[in-house]
Structures are given as C-alpha cells and as structure tokens.
N, C-alpha and C. Protein backbone atom coordinates (compact mmCIF):
# COMPACT_ATOMS: atom_id res chain seq x y z
N UNK A 1 32.71 21.11 -2.65
CA UNK A 1 31.28 20.92 -2.81
C UNK A 1 30.83 21.61 -4.10
N UNK A 2 30.11 20.88 -4.91
CA UNK A 2 29.67 21.44 -6.18
C UNK A 2 28.30 22.08 -6.04
N UNK A 3 27.99 22.95 -6.97
CA UNK A 3 26.71 23.64 -6.97
C UNK A 3 25.59 22.64 -7.25
N UNK A 4 24.49 22.77 -6.56
CA UNK A 4 23.34 21.89 -6.72
C UNK A 4 22.35 22.50 -7.70
N UNK A 5 21.73 21.64 -8.51
CA UNK A 5 20.69 22.09 -9.43
C UNK A 5 19.34 21.97 -8.73
N UNK A 6 18.62 23.08 -8.69
CA UNK A 6 17.33 23.13 -8.01
C UNK A 6 16.26 23.55 -9.02
N UNK A 7 15.16 22.81 -9.03
CA UNK A 7 14.00 23.18 -9.83
C UNK A 7 12.89 23.59 -8.89
N UNK A 8 12.36 24.80 -9.08
CA UNK A 8 11.24 25.29 -8.28
C UNK A 8 10.03 25.40 -9.20
N UNK A 9 8.94 24.74 -8.83
CA UNK A 9 7.71 24.79 -9.61
C UNK A 9 6.63 25.38 -8.72
N UNK A 10 6.29 26.64 -8.99
CA UNK A 10 5.32 27.36 -8.17
C UNK A 10 4.83 28.55 -8.98
N UNK A 11 3.53 28.77 -8.98
CA UNK A 11 2.97 29.87 -9.77
C UNK A 11 3.00 31.21 -9.04
N UNK A 12 3.47 31.24 -7.81
CA UNK A 12 3.50 32.46 -7.02
C UNK A 12 4.88 33.12 -7.10
N UNK A 13 4.97 34.21 -7.82
CA UNK A 13 6.26 34.89 -8.04
C UNK A 13 6.91 35.36 -6.74
N UNK A 14 6.10 35.82 -5.80
CA UNK A 14 6.66 36.30 -4.54
C UNK A 14 7.29 35.15 -3.75
N UNK A 15 6.58 34.04 -3.64
CA UNK A 15 7.14 32.87 -2.95
C UNK A 15 8.42 32.40 -3.65
N UNK A 16 8.40 32.39 -4.97
CA UNK A 16 9.59 31.98 -5.72
C UNK A 16 10.78 32.88 -5.40
N UNK A 17 10.54 34.18 -5.34
CA UNK A 17 11.64 35.10 -5.07
C UNK A 17 12.21 34.90 -3.67
N UNK A 18 11.37 34.56 -2.71
CA UNK A 18 11.85 34.35 -1.34
C UNK A 18 12.74 33.11 -1.23
N UNK A 19 12.29 32.00 -1.78
CA UNK A 19 13.10 30.78 -1.66
C UNK A 19 14.33 30.89 -2.56
N UNK A 20 14.21 31.53 -3.72
CA UNK A 20 15.38 31.70 -4.59
C UNK A 20 16.45 32.55 -3.89
N UNK A 21 16.04 33.65 -3.26
CA UNK A 21 16.98 34.51 -2.55
C UNK A 21 17.73 33.72 -1.48
N UNK A 22 16.99 32.91 -0.74
CA UNK A 22 17.61 32.13 0.34
C UNK A 22 18.57 31.08 -0.22
N UNK A 23 18.19 30.42 -1.30
CA UNK A 23 19.07 29.41 -1.89
C UNK A 23 20.33 30.03 -2.49
N UNK A 24 20.21 31.20 -3.05
CA UNK A 24 21.37 31.86 -3.67
C UNK A 24 22.38 32.34 -2.62
N UNK A 25 21.97 32.48 -1.38
CA UNK A 25 22.87 32.90 -0.31
C UNK A 25 23.78 31.77 0.16
N UNK A 26 23.43 30.55 -0.20
CA UNK A 26 24.22 29.41 0.24
C UNK A 26 25.55 29.36 -0.49
N UNK A 27 26.50 28.66 0.10
CA UNK A 27 27.82 28.54 -0.51
C UNK A 27 28.11 27.07 -0.79
N UNK A 28 28.41 26.70 -2.03
CA UNK A 28 28.29 27.53 -3.22
C UNK A 28 26.82 27.77 -3.54
N UNK A 29 26.55 28.85 -4.26
CA UNK A 29 25.16 29.12 -4.61
C UNK A 29 24.61 28.02 -5.52
N UNK A 30 23.33 27.83 -5.44
CA UNK A 30 22.67 26.80 -6.25
C UNK A 30 22.37 27.32 -7.65
N UNK A 31 22.35 26.40 -8.60
CA UNK A 31 21.85 26.70 -9.94
C UNK A 31 20.34 26.48 -9.89
N UNK A 32 19.57 27.52 -10.13
CA UNK A 32 18.13 27.48 -9.90
C UNK A 32 17.36 27.74 -11.19
N UNK A 33 16.39 26.88 -11.45
CA UNK A 33 15.44 27.08 -12.54
C UNK A 33 14.07 27.20 -11.90
N UNK A 34 13.35 28.26 -12.26
CA UNK A 34 12.01 28.49 -11.71
C UNK A 34 10.98 28.39 -12.81
N UNK A 35 9.96 27.59 -12.55
CA UNK A 35 8.83 27.47 -13.47
C UNK A 35 7.59 27.99 -12.77
N UNK A 36 6.90 28.92 -13.42
CA UNK A 36 5.63 29.37 -12.87
C UNK A 36 4.45 28.72 -13.60
N UNK A 37 4.76 27.82 -14.53
CA UNK A 37 3.74 27.09 -15.27
C UNK A 37 4.00 25.60 -15.08
N UNK A 38 3.15 24.97 -14.31
CA UNK A 38 3.35 23.56 -13.97
C UNK A 38 3.26 22.63 -15.18
N UNK A 39 2.69 23.10 -16.27
CA UNK A 39 2.60 22.26 -17.48
C UNK A 39 3.98 21.97 -18.06
N UNK A 40 4.98 22.75 -17.70
CA UNK A 40 6.33 22.56 -18.20
C UNK A 40 7.21 21.72 -17.27
N UNK A 41 6.67 21.34 -16.13
CA UNK A 41 7.47 20.70 -15.08
C UNK A 41 8.03 19.34 -15.49
N UNK A 42 7.24 18.51 -16.11
CA UNK A 42 7.70 17.16 -16.43
C UNK A 42 8.86 17.18 -17.42
N UNK A 43 8.72 17.96 -18.47
CA UNK A 43 9.78 18.05 -19.48
C UNK A 43 11.04 18.69 -18.88
N UNK A 44 10.85 19.74 -18.10
CA UNK A 44 12.00 20.42 -17.49
C UNK A 44 12.71 19.49 -16.52
N UNK A 45 11.95 18.75 -15.73
CA UNK A 45 12.55 17.80 -14.79
C UNK A 45 13.40 16.77 -15.54
N UNK A 46 12.87 16.27 -16.63
CA UNK A 46 13.59 15.24 -17.40
C UNK A 46 14.88 15.79 -18.02
N UNK A 47 14.85 17.01 -18.52
CA UNK A 47 16.04 17.55 -19.18
C UNK A 47 17.05 18.13 -18.19
N UNK A 48 16.57 18.72 -17.12
CA UNK A 48 17.46 19.35 -16.13
C UNK A 48 18.08 18.33 -15.18
N UNK A 49 17.34 17.29 -14.83
CA UNK A 49 17.77 16.31 -13.83
C UNK A 49 18.23 17.01 -12.55
N UNK A 50 17.33 17.77 -11.93
CA UNK A 50 17.72 18.54 -10.74
C UNK A 50 18.04 17.65 -9.54
N UNK A 51 18.94 18.13 -8.71
CA UNK A 51 19.25 17.42 -7.47
C UNK A 51 18.08 17.50 -6.50
N UNK A 52 17.38 18.62 -6.56
CA UNK A 52 16.25 18.87 -5.67
C UNK A 52 15.16 19.61 -6.44
N UNK A 53 13.93 19.15 -6.29
CA UNK A 53 12.78 19.83 -6.87
C UNK A 53 11.88 20.28 -5.75
N UNK A 54 11.51 21.56 -5.76
CA UNK A 54 10.56 22.13 -4.82
C UNK A 54 9.27 22.34 -5.57
N UNK A 55 8.20 21.72 -5.09
CA UNK A 55 6.97 21.65 -5.85
C UNK A 55 5.79 22.12 -5.01
N UNK A 56 5.11 23.16 -5.48
CA UNK A 56 3.90 23.65 -4.82
C UNK A 56 2.75 22.72 -5.16
N UNK A 57 1.68 22.78 -4.37
CA UNK A 57 0.51 21.95 -4.64
C UNK A 57 -0.50 22.70 -5.49
N UNK A 58 -0.96 23.83 -5.00
CA UNK A 58 -2.07 24.54 -5.63
C UNK A 58 -1.57 25.46 -6.75
N UNK A 59 -1.71 24.95 -7.98
CA UNK A 59 -1.30 25.70 -9.16
C UNK A 59 -2.37 25.51 -10.23
N UNK A 60 -2.52 26.50 -11.11
CA UNK A 60 -3.47 26.31 -12.21
C UNK A 60 -2.95 25.26 -13.20
N UNK A 61 -3.82 24.76 -14.00
CA UNK A 61 -3.53 23.80 -15.07
C UNK A 61 -3.23 22.41 -14.52
N UNK A 62 -2.08 22.22 -13.91
CA UNK A 62 -1.68 20.92 -13.37
C UNK A 62 -1.24 21.14 -11.93
N UNK A 63 -1.93 20.48 -10.98
CA UNK A 63 -1.54 20.71 -9.58
C UNK A 63 -0.28 19.91 -9.24
N UNK A 64 0.30 20.24 -8.11
CA UNK A 64 1.56 19.62 -7.70
C UNK A 64 1.48 18.12 -7.51
N UNK A 65 0.33 17.61 -7.08
CA UNK A 65 0.19 16.17 -6.93
C UNK A 65 0.28 15.47 -8.29
N UNK A 66 -0.34 16.06 -9.30
CA UNK A 66 -0.28 15.47 -10.65
C UNK A 66 1.14 15.50 -11.19
N UNK A 67 1.85 16.59 -10.96
CA UNK A 67 3.25 16.67 -11.39
C UNK A 67 4.06 15.61 -10.66
N UNK A 68 3.87 15.51 -9.36
CA UNK A 68 4.60 14.53 -8.56
C UNK A 68 4.37 13.11 -9.09
N UNK A 69 3.13 12.77 -9.40
CA UNK A 69 2.82 11.45 -9.94
C UNK A 69 3.57 11.19 -11.24
N UNK A 70 3.77 12.21 -12.04
CA UNK A 70 4.42 12.05 -13.34
C UNK A 70 5.94 11.96 -13.26
N UNK A 71 6.54 12.52 -12.20
CA UNK A 71 8.01 12.53 -12.14
C UNK A 71 8.59 11.63 -11.05
N UNK A 72 7.76 11.05 -10.22
CA UNK A 72 8.28 10.33 -9.05
C UNK A 72 9.14 9.12 -9.42
N UNK A 73 8.75 8.37 -10.42
CA UNK A 73 9.55 7.18 -10.77
C UNK A 73 10.93 7.57 -11.27
N UNK A 74 11.00 8.59 -12.09
CA UNK A 74 12.30 9.05 -12.58
C UNK A 74 13.15 9.57 -11.42
N UNK A 75 12.52 10.27 -10.49
CA UNK A 75 13.25 10.78 -9.33
C UNK A 75 13.81 9.64 -8.49
N UNK A 76 13.00 8.61 -8.28
CA UNK A 76 13.47 7.46 -7.48
C UNK A 76 14.62 6.75 -8.17
N UNK A 77 14.49 6.54 -9.49
CA UNK A 77 15.55 5.84 -10.22
C UNK A 77 16.87 6.59 -10.14
N UNK A 78 16.81 7.90 -10.17
CA UNK A 78 18.02 8.73 -10.16
C UNK A 78 18.38 9.26 -8.78
N UNK A 79 17.65 8.81 -7.77
CA UNK A 79 17.89 9.21 -6.38
C UNK A 79 17.89 10.73 -6.22
N UNK A 80 16.85 11.35 -6.78
CA UNK A 80 16.67 12.80 -6.69
C UNK A 80 15.52 13.11 -5.73
N UNK A 81 15.65 14.18 -4.99
CA UNK A 81 14.66 14.54 -3.99
C UNK A 81 13.59 15.46 -4.57
N UNK A 82 12.36 15.21 -4.16
CA UNK A 82 11.24 16.09 -4.50
C UNK A 82 10.58 16.48 -3.18
N UNK A 83 10.59 17.76 -2.90
CA UNK A 83 9.99 18.28 -1.67
C UNK A 83 8.77 19.11 -2.03
N UNK A 84 7.65 18.77 -1.45
CA UNK A 84 6.46 19.59 -1.62
C UNK A 84 6.63 20.79 -0.70
N UNK A 85 6.61 21.97 -1.28
CA UNK A 85 6.73 23.22 -0.53
C UNK A 85 5.45 24.00 -0.78
N UNK A 86 4.55 23.94 0.20
CA UNK A 86 3.20 24.44 -0.01
C UNK A 86 2.75 25.35 1.13
N UNK A 87 1.76 26.14 0.84
CA UNK A 87 1.13 26.96 1.87
C UNK A 87 0.10 26.17 2.66
N UNK A 88 -0.20 24.96 2.23
CA UNK A 88 -1.23 24.15 2.88
C UNK A 88 -0.73 23.51 4.17
N UNK A 89 -1.47 23.73 5.23
CA UNK A 89 -1.18 23.08 6.51
C UNK A 89 -2.09 21.87 6.73
N UNK A 90 -2.86 21.51 5.73
CA UNK A 90 -3.78 20.38 5.82
C UNK A 90 -2.98 19.08 5.93
N UNK A 91 -3.15 18.33 7.01
CA UNK A 91 -2.39 17.09 7.17
C UNK A 91 -2.68 16.06 6.07
N UNK A 92 -3.85 16.14 5.45
CA UNK A 92 -4.16 15.22 4.36
C UNK A 92 -3.30 15.50 3.13
N UNK A 93 -2.96 16.77 2.89
CA UNK A 93 -2.07 17.10 1.79
C UNK A 93 -0.68 16.51 2.03
N UNK A 94 -0.20 16.65 3.24
CA UNK A 94 1.11 16.09 3.58
C UNK A 94 1.09 14.57 3.43
N UNK A 95 0.06 13.95 3.95
CA UNK A 95 -0.07 12.50 3.88
C UNK A 95 -0.08 12.02 2.43
N UNK A 96 -0.87 12.69 1.60
CA UNK A 96 -0.96 12.30 0.19
C UNK A 96 0.38 12.46 -0.51
N UNK A 97 1.06 13.57 -0.29
CA UNK A 97 2.36 13.82 -0.93
C UNK A 97 3.37 12.74 -0.56
N UNK A 98 3.42 12.40 0.70
CA UNK A 98 4.37 11.38 1.15
C UNK A 98 3.99 9.99 0.64
N UNK A 99 2.69 9.72 0.55
CA UNK A 99 2.23 8.43 0.01
C UNK A 99 2.62 8.29 -1.46
N UNK A 100 2.51 9.37 -2.22
CA UNK A 100 2.88 9.33 -3.63
C UNK A 100 4.38 9.12 -3.78
N UNK A 101 5.15 9.66 -2.84
CA UNK A 101 6.59 9.45 -2.89
C UNK A 101 7.45 10.67 -2.69
N UNK A 102 6.86 11.80 -2.32
CA UNK A 102 7.67 12.99 -2.05
C UNK A 102 8.68 12.68 -0.95
N UNK A 103 9.85 13.27 -1.07
CA UNK A 103 10.90 13.07 -0.07
C UNK A 103 10.57 13.76 1.24
N UNK A 104 9.80 14.83 1.15
CA UNK A 104 9.50 15.65 2.32
C UNK A 104 8.32 16.55 1.99
N UNK A 105 7.72 17.10 3.01
CA UNK A 105 6.64 18.07 2.85
C UNK A 105 6.91 19.21 3.80
N UNK A 106 7.01 20.42 3.27
CA UNK A 106 7.26 21.60 4.10
C UNK A 106 6.21 22.65 3.81
N UNK A 107 5.80 23.32 4.88
CA UNK A 107 4.89 24.46 4.74
C UNK A 107 5.75 25.70 4.51
N UNK A 108 5.34 26.52 3.56
CA UNK A 108 6.09 27.74 3.28
C UNK A 108 6.16 28.60 4.54
N UNK A 109 7.33 29.11 4.86
CA UNK A 109 7.48 29.94 6.06
C UNK A 109 6.61 31.20 6.02
N UNK A 110 6.24 31.64 7.19
CA UNK A 110 5.46 32.88 7.27
C UNK A 110 6.35 34.09 7.51
N UNK A 111 7.59 33.86 7.92
CA UNK A 111 8.53 34.95 8.17
C UNK A 111 9.69 34.88 7.18
N UNK A 112 10.11 36.03 6.70
CA UNK A 112 11.19 36.12 5.73
C UNK A 112 12.45 35.42 6.23
N UNK A 113 12.81 35.64 7.48
CA UNK A 113 14.03 35.08 8.04
C UNK A 113 14.01 33.54 8.04
N UNK A 114 12.84 32.95 8.07
CA UNK A 114 12.73 31.49 8.11
C UNK A 114 13.11 30.85 6.78
N UNK A 115 13.08 31.60 5.69
CA UNK A 115 13.45 31.04 4.40
C UNK A 115 14.93 30.66 4.35
N UNK A 116 15.78 31.43 5.01
CA UNK A 116 17.21 31.11 5.02
C UNK A 116 17.47 29.77 5.70
N UNK A 117 16.87 29.55 6.85
CA UNK A 117 17.08 28.27 7.54
C UNK A 117 16.43 27.12 6.78
N UNK A 118 15.29 27.38 6.15
CA UNK A 118 14.64 26.36 5.33
C UNK A 118 15.54 25.95 4.17
N UNK A 119 16.11 26.91 3.47
CA UNK A 119 17.00 26.61 2.34
C UNK A 119 18.19 25.77 2.79
N UNK A 120 18.82 26.15 3.88
CA UNK A 120 19.96 25.40 4.39
C UNK A 120 19.57 23.97 4.74
N UNK A 121 18.43 23.82 5.38
CA UNK A 121 17.97 22.50 5.79
C UNK A 121 17.62 21.63 4.58
N UNK A 122 16.96 22.21 3.59
CA UNK A 122 16.59 21.44 2.40
C UNK A 122 17.83 20.94 1.67
N UNK A 123 18.83 21.78 1.53
CA UNK A 123 20.06 21.36 0.86
C UNK A 123 20.79 20.30 1.69
N UNK A 124 20.86 20.51 2.97
CA UNK A 124 21.55 19.55 3.85
C UNK A 124 20.87 18.19 3.86
N UNK A 125 19.55 18.16 3.93
CA UNK A 125 18.82 16.91 4.06
C UNK A 125 18.54 16.20 2.74
N UNK A 126 18.46 16.97 1.65
CA UNK A 126 17.93 16.36 0.42
C UNK A 126 18.85 16.42 -0.79
N UNK A 127 20.12 16.78 -0.59
CA UNK A 127 21.05 16.73 -1.73
C UNK A 127 22.32 16.03 -1.31
C-alpha cells in the first residue's frame, strides 16, 4: 500500500493539528499538505493532485463551498475525493456540499480520540 496524498484546507490551526496527527498515525503514514489560506486551495489542488482533500466550510476570504465549486470538476475527472470536514451541524450545509459534488460531509469530532477513527474511515472509504 502506497502513501496517500492528503490536502487539508482549514484556517483553524488546532483542528488541522488534530486531523494531521491522526492521519500520520496510519500505516503507511500519509503525505499531508495543510493550507490555512483558502485562496491557495485551487492552485495547490491542481499541482498536488491529492488522493483526498479535506475542506472546511467557514474560512475567511474564500469559503469551502466556493473552493469546492472551483475544484469539483477536476476531482471528478481524476476520481479524487473531496470531503467537507466542518464544525457545522446544519443539515443545509451538508445538503449543499453533497449537491455541489463533495464525496462526503463529516462534522469535526468533539473528542480527541474520535479523530483517529475518523482518519481511518476517511482513508478506507475515500482513497
């Protein structure tokens, strides 16, 4: 099994560190690129060609829905997964993300231990 390339786009450093820690515990560990500035997401997605992109919704400058709209066609063509990983429990956010074309919508875990199982599940289901 080869290492998976993961792109995380989220302006929250703490959330990034939690999901990164969980992903790095997997075997083999993932190659991870973290962006805290969503304005760089489209270019980074195109050059990195990640196997999985984790995308927050609420970010300054460009929100996750706008990023998703800009990268979804390329993701579909290359059969790459984009998972919205957000703190929002609003069902309308989930509905919108899936309508645009996200592969999945997950709410960020509230417990540290839940990040490990989330990371395993995301890799298993979406790469």
